[in-house]
Amino acid sequence: RGVVRMTRQEQRHPGGAKPMSSVLWDVFTGSAPYREVLARTLNPVFPLSLAWNVAAGSVSSVTRSGIGGERHER
């Protein structure tokens, strides 16, 4: 959820920085060596942003589906 949330937010801002989007693209297509992709993820902003999005994605999923992430159908 955090990765999807981070990617979705990046894609909403045309022309802005898209670190997660570029990492995913390069990993899935092989457009860049893994060493280069890893180096980009070690930028201090990247793990902080990812951690924030993981936490925010977890909170929003709990509030939408109830405590424990269980969905309650009506």
PDB file of N, CA and C in Angstrom:
ATOM      1  N   ARG A   1       0.820  -1.196   0.000  1.00  0.00           N
ATOM      2  CA  ARG A   1       0.000   0.000   0.000  1.00  0.00           C
ATOM      3  C   ARG A   1       0.861   1.255   0.000  1.00  0.00           C
ATOM      4  N   GLY A   2       1.958   1.211   0.739  1.00  0.00           N
ATOM      5  CA  GLY A   2       2.827   2.377   0.796  1.00  0.00           C
ATOM      6  C   GLY A   2       3.484   2.688  -0.530  1.00  0.00           C
ATOM      7  N   VAL A   3       3.940   1.650  -1.221  1.00  0.00           N
ATOM      8  CA  VAL A   3       4.587   1.846  -2.527  1.00  0.00           C
ATOM      9  C   VAL A   3       3.573   2.383  -3.531  1.00  0.00           C
ATOM     10  N   VAL A   4       2.382   1.806  -3.532  1.00  0.00           N
ATOM     11  CA  VAL A   4       1.341   2.264  -4.457  1.00  0.00           C
ATOM     12  C   VAL A   4       0.947   3.702  -4.140  1.00  0.00           C
ATOM     13  N   ARG A   5       0.822   4.016  -2.860  1.00  0.00           N
ATOM     14  CA  ARG A   5       0.451   5.375  -2.449  1.00  0.00           C
ATOM     15  C   ARG A   5       1.523   6.374  -2.879  1.00  0.00           C
ATOM     16  N   MET A   6       2.779   6.030  -2.664  1.00  0.00           N
ATOM     17  CA  MET A   6       3.885   6.921  -3.032  1.00  0.00           C
ATOM     18  C   MET A   6       3.923   7.136  -4.545  1.00  0.00           C
ATOM     19  N   THR A   7       3.753   6.070  -5.301  1.00  0.00           N
ATOM     20  CA  THR A   7       3.767   6.157  -6.761  1.00  0.00           C
ATOM     21  C   THR A   7       2.586   6.978  -7.262  1.00  0.00           C
ATOM     22  N   ARG A   8       1.417   6.736  -6.692  1.00  0.00           N
ATOM     23  CA  ARG A   8       0.218   7.470  -7.101  1.00  0.00           C
ATOM     24  C   ARG A   8       0.401   8.973  -6.858  1.00  0.00           C
ATOM     25  N   GLN A   9       0.957   9.338  -5.721  1.00  0.00           N
ATOM     26  CA  GLN A   9       1.175  10.757  -5.430  1.00  0.00           C
ATOM     27  C   GLN A   9       2.189  11.380  -6.382  1.00  0.00           C
ATOM     28  N   GLU A  10       3.228  10.634  -6.716  1.00  0.00           N
ATOM     29  CA  GLU A  10       4.220  11.149  -7.667  1.00  0.00           C
ATOM     30  C   GLU A  10       3.590  11.415  -9.031  1.00  0.00           C
ATOM     31  N   GLN A  11       2.729  10.525  -9.457  1.00  0.00           N
ATOM     32  CA  GLN A  11       2.133  10.640 -10.787  1.00  0.00           C
ATOM     33  C   GLN A  11       1.122  11.775 -10.876  1.00  0.00           C
ATOM     34  N   ARG A  12       0.644  12.258  -9.760  1.00  0.00           N
ATOM     35  CA  ARG A  12      -0.315  13.368  -9.756  1.00  0.00           C
ATOM     36  C   ARG A  12       0.347  14.710 -10.047  1.00  0.00           C
ATOM     37  N   HIS A  13       1.655  14.793  -9.946  1.00  0.00           N
ATOM     38  CA  HIS A  13       2.373  16.048 -10.141  1.00  0.00           C
ATOM     39  C   HIS A  13       3.253  15.961 -11.385  1.00  0.00           C
ATOM     40  N   PRO A  14       2.738  16.386 -12.535  1.00  0.00           N
ATOM     41  CA  PRO A  14       3.536  16.313 -13.755  1.00  0.00           C
ATOM     42  C   PRO A  14       4.779  17.201 -13.651  1.00  0.00           C
ATOM     43  N   GLY A  15       5.885  16.664 -14.079  1.00  0.00           N
ATOM     44  CA  GLY A  15       7.128  17.419 -14.071  1.00  0.00           C
ATOM     45  C   GLY A  15       7.882  17.365 -12.755  1.00  0.00           C
ATOM     46  N   GLY A  16       7.269  16.838 -11.715  1.00  0.00           N
ATOM     47  CA  GLY A  16       7.933  16.768 -10.416  1.00  0.00           C
ATOM     48  C   GLY A  16       8.845  15.551 -10.325  1.00  0.00           C
ATOM     49  N   ALA A  17       9.565  15.475  -9.225  1.00  0.00           N
ATOM     50  CA  ALA A  17      10.447  14.327  -8.990  1.00  0.00           C
ATOM     51  C   ALA A  17       9.601  13.066  -8.794  1.00  0.00           C
ATOM     52  N   LYS A  18      10.055  11.979  -9.356  1.00  0.00           N
ATOM     53  CA  LYS A  18       9.341  10.709  -9.273  1.00  0.00           C
ATOM     54  C   LYS A  18      10.303   9.580  -8.903  1.00  0.00           C
ATOM     55  N   PRO A  19      10.876   9.635  -7.697  1.00  0.00           N
ATOM     56  CA  PRO A  19      11.886   8.631  -7.352  1.00  0.00           C
ATOM     57  C   PRO A  19      11.345   7.203  -7.303  1.00  0.00           C
ATOM     58  N   MET A  20      10.178   6.982  -6.720  1.00  0.00           N
ATOM     59  CA  MET A  20       9.644   5.624  -6.649  1.00  0.00           C
ATOM     60  C   MET A  20       9.249   5.131  -8.033  1.00  0.00           C
ATOM     61  N   SER A  21       8.633   5.991  -8.814  1.00  0.00           N
ATOM     62  CA  SER A  21       8.232   5.609 -10.168  1.00  0.00           C
ATOM     63  C   SER A  21       9.438   5.195 -11.001  1.00  0.00           C
ATOM     64  N   SER A  22      10.519   5.951 -10.893  1.00  0.00           N
ATOM     65  CA  SER A  22      11.700   5.618 -11.687  1.00  0.00           C
ATOM     66  C   SER A  22      12.378   4.350 -11.176  1.00  0.00           C
ATOM     67  N   VAL A  23      12.377   4.143  -9.867  1.00  0.00           N
ATOM     68  CA  VAL A  23      12.941   2.905  -9.327  1.00  0.00           C
ATOM     69  C   VAL A  23      12.131   1.706  -9.812  1.00  0.00           C
ATOM     70  N   LEU A  24      10.821   1.795  -9.731  1.00  0.00           N
ATOM     71  CA  LEU A  24       9.979   0.678 -10.189  1.00  0.00           C
ATOM     72  C   LEU A  24      10.181   0.428 -11.681  1.00  0.00           C
ATOM     73  N   TRP A  25      10.204   1.491 -12.469  1.00  0.00           N
ATOM     74  CA  TRP A  25      10.390   1.352 -13.913  1.00  0.00           C
ATOM     75  C   TRP A  25      11.714   0.651 -14.220  1.00  0.00           C
ATOM     76  N   ASP A  26      12.775   1.107 -13.583  1.00  0.00           N
ATOM     77  CA  ASP A  26      14.094   0.538 -13.859  1.00  0.00           C
ATOM     78  C   ASP A  26      14.218  -0.901 -13.381  1.00  0.00           C
ATOM     79  N   VAL A  27      13.573  -1.245 -12.277  1.00  0.00           N
ATOM     80  CA  VAL A  27      13.624  -2.628 -11.787  1.00  0.00           C
ATOM     81  C   VAL A  27      12.837  -3.553 -12.717  1.00  0.00           C
ATOM     82  N   PHE A  28      11.647  -3.121 -13.132  1.00  0.00           N
ATOM     83  CA  PHE A  28      10.807  -3.993 -13.958  1.00  0.00           C
ATOM     84  C   PHE A  28      11.271  -4.093 -15.403  1.00  0.00           C
ATOM     85  N   THR A  29      11.888  -3.027 -15.932  1.00  0.00           N
ATOM     86  CA  THR A  29      12.304  -3.059 -17.337  1.00  0.00           C
ATOM     87  C   THR A  29      13.784  -3.375 -17.509  1.00  0.00           C
ATOM     88  N   GLY A  30      14.557  -3.249 -16.453  1.00  0.00           N
ATOM     89  CA  GLY A  30      15.998  -3.458 -16.572  1.00  0.00           C
ATOM     90  C   GLY A  30      16.699  -2.294 -17.244  1.00  0.00           C
ATOM     91  N   SER A  31      16.072  -1.109 -17.198  1.00  0.00           N
ATOM     92  CA  SER A  31      16.621   0.068 -17.863  1.00  0.00           C
ATOM     93  C   SER A  31      17.881   0.608 -17.211  1.00  0.00           C
ATOM     94  N   ALA A  32      18.118   0.231 -15.967  1.00  0.00           N
ATOM     95  CA  ALA A  32      19.307   0.717 -15.253  1.00  0.00           C
ATOM     96  C   ALA A  32      19.884  -0.439 -14.452  1.00  0.00           C
ATOM     97  N   PRO A  33      21.188  -0.423 -14.228  1.00  0.00           N
ATOM     98  CA  PRO A  33      21.792  -1.471 -13.400  1.00  0.00           C
ATOM     99  C   PRO A  33      21.242  -1.409 -11.971  1.00  0.00           C
ATOM    100  N   TYR A  34      21.125  -2.569 -11.345  1.00  0.00           N
ATOM    101  CA  TYR A  34      20.598  -2.625  -9.983  1.00  0.00           C
ATOM    102  C   TYR A  34      21.420  -1.768  -9.020  1.00  0.00           C
ATOM    103  N   ARG A  35      22.698  -1.688  -9.256  1.00  0.00           N
ATOM    104  CA  ARG A  35      23.560  -0.874  -8.393  1.00  0.00           C
ATOM    105  C   ARG A  35      23.129   0.594  -8.429  1.00  0.00           C
ATOM    106  N   GLU A  36      22.788   1.078  -9.612  1.00  0.00           N
ATOM    107  CA  GLU A  36      22.329   2.462  -9.759  1.00  0.00           C
ATOM    108  C   GLU A  36      20.965   2.655  -9.083  1.00  0.00           C
ATOM    109  N   VAL A  37      20.082   1.687  -9.241  1.00  0.00           N
ATOM    110  CA  VAL A  37      18.760   1.758  -8.608  1.00  0.00           C
ATOM    111  C   VAL A  37      18.922   1.770  -7.090  1.00  0.00           C
ATOM    112  N   LEU A  38      19.770   0.899  -6.579  1.00  0.00           N
ATOM    113  CA  LEU A  38      20.020   0.857  -5.144  1.00  0.00           C
ATOM    114  C   LEU A  38      20.579   2.190  -4.650  1.00  0.00           C
ATOM    115  N   ALA A  39      21.491   2.774  -5.399  1.00  0.00           N
ATOM    116  CA  ALA A  39      22.075   4.058  -4.997  1.00  0.00           C
ATOM    117  C   ALA A  39      20.995   5.126  -4.879  1.00  0.00           C
ATOM    118  N   ARG A  40      20.019   5.113  -5.782  1.00  0.00           N
ATOM    119  CA  ARG A  40      18.930   6.100  -5.703  1.00  0.00           C
ATOM    120  C   ARG A  40      18.057   5.884  -4.479  1.00  0.00           C
ATOM    121  N   THR A  41      17.874   4.643  -4.074  1.00  0.00           N
ATOM    122  CA  THR A  41      17.039   4.379  -2.895  1.00  0.00           C
ATOM    123  C   THR A  41      17.751   4.716  -1.595  1.00  0.00           C
ATOM    124  N   LEU A  42      19.063   4.883  -1.642  1.00  0.00           N
ATOM    125  CA  LEU A  42      19.816   5.223  -0.444  1.00  0.00           C
ATOM    126  C   LEU A  42      19.851   6.726  -0.173  1.00  0.00           C
ATOM    127  N   ASN A  43      19.311   7.516  -1.073  1.00  0.00           N
ATOM    128  CA  ASN A  43      19.160   8.942  -0.830  1.00  0.00           C
ATOM    129  C   ASN A  43      18.282   9.089   0.413  1.00  0.00           C
ATOM    130  N   PRO A  44      18.691   9.876   1.420  1.00  0.00           N
ATOM    131  CA  PRO A  44      17.945   9.942   2.686  1.00  0.00           C
ATOM    132  C   PRO A  44      16.462  10.292   2.545  1.00  0.00           C
ATOM    133  N   VAL A  45      16.111  11.046   1.535  1.00  0.00           N
ATOM    134  CA  VAL A  45      14.709  11.433   1.359  1.00  0.00           C
ATOM    135  C   VAL A  45      13.856  10.226   0.945  1.00  0.00           C
ATOM    136  N   PHE A  46      14.417   9.327   0.163  1.00  0.00           N
ATOM    137  CA  PHE A  46      13.646   8.196  -0.365  1.00  0.00           C
ATOM    138  C   PHE A  46      13.097   7.295   0.746  1.00  0.00           C
ATOM    139  N   PRO A  47      13.946   6.761   1.649  1.00  0.00           N
ATOM    140  CA  PRO A  47      13.382   5.887   2.691  1.00  0.00           C
ATOM    141  C   PRO A  47      12.446   6.621   3.646  1.00  0.00           C
ATOM    142  N   LEU A  48      12.693   7.900   3.881  1.00  0.00           N
ATOM    143  CA  LEU A  48      11.787   8.671   4.738  1.00  0.00           C
ATOM    144  C   LEU A  48      10.418   8.813   4.088  1.00  0.00           C
ATOM    145  N   SER A  49      10.424   9.126   2.814  1.00  0.00           N
ATOM    146  CA  SER A  49       9.161   9.253   2.085  1.00  0.00           C
ATOM    147  C   SER A  49       8.433   7.913   2.020  1.00  0.00           C
ATOM    148  N   LEU A  50       9.180   6.855   1.780  1.00  0.00           N
ATOM    149  CA  LEU A  50       8.571   5.526   1.730  1.00  0.00           C
ATOM    150  C   LEU A  50       7.978   5.151   3.085  1.00  0.00           C
ATOM    151  N   ALA A  51       8.714   5.401   4.164  1.00  0.00           N
ATOM    152  CA  ALA A  51       8.208   5.085   5.502  1.00  0.00           C
ATOM    153  C   ALA A  51       6.935   5.867   5.795  1.00  0.00           C
ATOM    154  N   TRP A  52       6.930   7.145   5.422  1.00  0.00           N
ATOM    155  CA  TRP A  52       5.750   7.970   5.628  1.00  0.00           C
ATOM    156  C   TRP A  52       4.552   7.396   4.859  1.00  0.00           C
ATOM    157  N   ASN A  53       4.759   7.018   3.616  1.00  0.00           N
ATOM    158  CA  ASN A  53       3.673   6.494   2.797  1.00  0.00           C
ATOM    159  C   ASN A  53       3.204   5.128   3.275  1.00  0.00           C
ATOM    160  N   VAL A  54       4.109   4.304   3.771  1.00  0.00           N
ATOM    161  CA  VAL A  54       3.713   3.009   4.338  1.00  0.00           C
ATOM    162  C   VAL A  54       2.836   3.234   5.567  1.00  0.00           C
ATOM    163  N   ALA A  55       3.261   4.150   6.426  1.00  0.00           N
ATOM    164  CA  ALA A  55       2.473   4.443   7.629  1.00  0.00           C
ATOM    165  C   ALA A  55       1.119   5.036   7.260  1.00  0.00           C
ATOM    166  N   ALA A  56       1.117   6.006   6.357  1.00  0.00           N
ATOM    167  CA  ALA A  56      -0.138   6.636   5.958  1.00  0.00           C
ATOM    168  C   ALA A  56      -1.057   5.644   5.253  1.00  0.00           C
ATOM    169  N   GLY A  57      -0.486   4.769   4.439  1.00  0.00           N
ATOM    170  CA  GLY A  57      -1.292   3.750   3.775  1.00  0.00           C
ATOM    171  C   GLY A  57      -1.878   2.753   4.753  1.00  0.00           C
ATOM    172  N   SER A  58      -1.139   2.445   5.797  1.00  0.00           N
ATOM    173  CA  SER A  58      -1.625   1.509   6.806  1.00  0.00           C
ATOM    174  C   SER A  58      -2.745   2.133   7.623  1.00  0.00           C
ATOM    175  N   VAL A  59      -2.579   3.398   7.979  1.00  0.00           N
ATOM    176  CA  VAL A  59      -3.608   4.089   8.763  1.00  0.00           C
ATOM    177  C   VAL A  59      -4.883   4.222   7.959  1.00  0.00           C
ATOM    178  N   SER A  60      -4.761   4.611   6.693  1.00  0.00           N
ATOM    179  CA  SER A  60      -5.963   4.798   5.881  1.00  0.00           C
ATOM    180  C   SER A  60      -6.663   3.472   5.623  1.00  0.00           C
ATOM    181  N   SER A  61      -5.915   2.380   5.514  1.00  0.00           N
ATOM    182  CA  SER A  61      -6.564   1.082   5.299  1.00  0.00           C
ATOM    183  C   SER A  61      -7.287   0.630   6.555  1.00  0.00           C
ATOM    184  N   VAL A  62      -6.750   0.948   7.726  1.00  0.00           N
ATOM    185  CA  VAL A  62      -7.410   0.575   8.977  1.00  0.00           C
ATOM    186  C   VAL A  62      -8.679   1.393   9.162  1.00  0.00           C
ATOM    187  N   THR A  63      -8.620   2.673   8.848  1.00  0.00           N
ATOM    188  CA  THR A  63      -9.809   3.510   9.028  1.00  0.00           C
ATOM    189  C   THR A  63     -10.901   3.164   8.030  1.00  0.00           C
ATOM    190  N   ARG A  64     -10.522   2.687   6.843  1.00  0.00           N
ATOM    191  CA  ARG A  64     -11.520   2.303   5.844  1.00  0.00           C
ATOM    192  C   ARG A  64     -12.140   0.949   6.129  1.00  0.00           C
ATOM    193  N   SER A  65     -11.360   0.036   6.691  1.00  0.00           N
ATOM    194  CA  SER A  65     -11.851  -1.332   6.803  1.00  0.00           C
ATOM    195  C   SER A  65     -12.033  -1.803   8.240  1.00  0.00           C
ATOM    196  N   GLY A  66     -11.713  -0.994   9.202  1.00  0.00           N
ATOM    197  CA  GLY A  66     -11.858  -1.401  10.597  1.00  0.00           C
ATOM    198  C   GLY A  66     -10.521  -1.845  11.162  1.00  0.00           C
ATOM    199  N   ILE A  67     -10.440  -1.960  12.453  1.00  0.00           N
ATOM    200  CA  ILE A  67      -9.204  -2.352  13.121  1.00  0.00           C
ATOM    201  C   ILE A  67      -8.795  -3.746  12.676  1.00  0.00           C
ATOM    202  N   GLY A  68      -7.516  -3.910  12.399  1.00  0.00           N
ATOM    203  CA  GLY A  68      -7.004  -5.197  11.956  1.00  0.00           C
ATOM    204  C   GLY A  68      -7.101  -5.389  10.462  1.00  0.00           C
ATOM    205  N   GLY A  69      -7.637  -4.386   9.749  1.00  0.00           N
ATOM    206  CA  GLY A  69      -7.696  -4.477   8.297  1.00  0.00           C
ATOM    207  C   GLY A  69      -8.775  -5.399   7.777  1.00  0.00           C
ATOM    208  N   GLU A  70      -9.712  -5.817   8.631  1.00  0.00           N
ATOM    209  CA  GLU A  70     -10.771  -6.710   8.191  1.00  0.00           C
ATOM    210  C   GLU A  70     -11.910  -5.893   7.598  1.00  0.00           C
ATOM    211  N   ARG A  71     -12.388  -6.329   6.453  1.00  0.00           N
ATOM    212  CA  ARG A  71     -13.505  -5.638   5.828  1.00  0.00           C
ATOM    213  C   ARG A  71     -14.816  -6.213   6.367  1.00  0.00           C
ATOM    214  N   HIS A  72     -15.736  -5.314   6.611  1.00  0.00           N
ATOM    215  CA  HIS A  72     -17.045  -5.723   7.104  1.00  0.00           C
ATOM    216  C   HIS A  72     -18.072  -5.442   6.021  1.00  0.00           C
ATOM    217  N   GLU A  73     -18.576  -6.489   5.403  1.00  0.00           N
ATOM    218  CA  GLU A  73     -19.572  -6.345   4.329  1.00  0.00           C
ATOM    219  C   GLU A  73     -20.953  -6.197   4.950  1.00  0.00           C
ATOM    220  N   ARG A  74     -21.765  -5.393   4.288  1.00  0.00           N
ATOM    221  CA  ARG A  74     -23.169  -5.214   4.739  1.00  0.00           C
ATOM    222  C   ARG A  74     -24.097  -5.675   3.688  1.00  0.00           C
TER     223      ARG A  74
END
